[in-house]
């Protein structure tokens, strides 16, 4: 069972990193450019609103991965 916990922790941390990478990719694709696209204010509003979604997803997976890394005795309740 210990190997499953390590694998689950690694997967959860990978999802956290993937969520951050996806948010950065989204930020890159929606950036204002000289040939068109959104303006700077709209881009900042988009980034602030999507950061909550991607940030909470990444943070919750990272926290769950840390719990799995500590082992079964760290989860109480």
Protein backbone atom coordinates (compact mmCIF):
# COMPACT_ATOMS: atom_id res chain seq x y z
CA UNK A 1 0.00 0.00 0.00
CA UNK A 2 2.94 2.31 0.58
CA UNK A 3 3.85 2.31 -3.11
CA UNK A 4 0.30 3.32 -4.00
CA UNK A 5 0.52 6.31 -1.64
CA UNK A 6 3.82 7.40 -3.18
CA UNK A 7 2.39 7.04 -6.68
CA UNK A 8 -0.74 8.96 -5.69
CA UNK A 9 1.36 11.73 -4.15
CA UNK A 10 3.46 11.98 -7.29
CA UNK A 11 0.34 12.11 -9.46
CA UNK A 12 -1.30 14.79 -7.32
CA UNK A 13 1.82 16.95 -7.44
CA UNK A 14 2.03 16.44 -11.21
CA UNK A 15 -1.55 17.67 -11.59
CA UNK A 16 -0.64 20.73 -9.52
CA UNK A 17 2.29 21.49 -11.79
CA UNK A 18 0.18 20.84 -14.87
CA UNK A 19 -2.49 23.26 -13.67
CA UNK A 20 0.11 25.99 -13.21
CA UNK A 21 1.57 25.24 -16.65
CA UNK A 22 -1.92 25.33 -18.20
CA UNK A 23 -2.62 28.70 -16.59
CA UNK A 24 0.68 30.11 -17.85
CA UNK A 25 -0.10 28.78 -21.33
CA UNK A 26 -3.53 30.39 -21.18
CA UNK A 27 -1.92 33.66 -20.10
CA UNK A 28 0.46 33.47 -23.05
CA UNK A 29 -2.27 32.73 -25.58
CA UNK A 30 -4.57 35.54 -24.42
CA UNK A 31 -1.92 38.25 -24.14
CA UNK A 32 -2.46 41.55 -25.93
CA UNK A 33 -0.53 41.78 -29.20
CA UNK A 34 -0.07 44.61 -31.69
CA UNK A 35 -2.11 42.88 -34.39
CA UNK A 36 -5.25 42.58 -32.26
CA UNK A 37 -6.65 40.67 -29.34
CA UNK A 38 -7.76 41.95 -25.97
CA UNK A 39 -6.52 45.13 -24.35
CA UNK A 40 -4.28 45.15 -21.27
CA UNK A 41 -7.06 45.79 -18.76
CA UNK A 42 -9.19 42.94 -20.07
CA UNK A 43 -6.16 40.66 -20.10
CA UNK A 44 -5.45 41.44 -16.44
CA UNK A 45 -9.10 40.80 -15.55
CA UNK A 46 -9.01 37.46 -17.37
CA UNK A 47 -5.79 36.47 -15.60
CA UNK A 48 -7.11 37.44 -12.16
CA UNK A 49 -10.35 35.51 -12.60
CA UNK A 50 -8.78 32.37 -14.06
CA UNK A 51 -6.01 32.37 -11.45
CA UNK A 52 -8.61 31.54 -8.81
CA UNK A 53 -9.75 28.45 -10.71
CA UNK A 54 -6.31 27.18 -11.71
CA UNK A 55 -4.70 28.30 -8.45
CA UNK A 56 -7.22 26.53 -6.22
CA UNK A 57 -6.98 23.40 -8.36
CA UNK A 58 -3.19 23.41 -8.11
CA UNK A 59 -3.16 24.24 -4.40
CA UNK A 60 -5.64 21.52 -3.46
CA UNK A 61 -3.76 18.87 -5.43
CA UNK A 62 -0.43 19.94 -3.95
CA UNK A 63 -1.88 19.84 -0.42
CA UNK A 64 -3.37 16.39 -1.02
CA UNK A 65 -0.03 15.20 -2.43
CA UNK A 66 1.75 16.44 0.69
CA UNK A 67 -0.72 14.52 2.87
CA UNK A 68 -0.09 11.36 0.88
CA UNK A 69 3.66 11.88 1.18
CA UNK A 70 3.42 12.06 4.98
CA UNK A 71 1.57 8.77 5.08
CA UNK A 72 -1.58 7.35 6.49
CA UNK A 73 -1.00 8.53 10.08
CA UNK A 74 -1.08 12.22 9.09
CA UNK A 75 -4.77 12.20 8.11
CA UNK A 76 -6.98 12.62 11.15
CA UNK A 77 -10.70 12.96 11.51
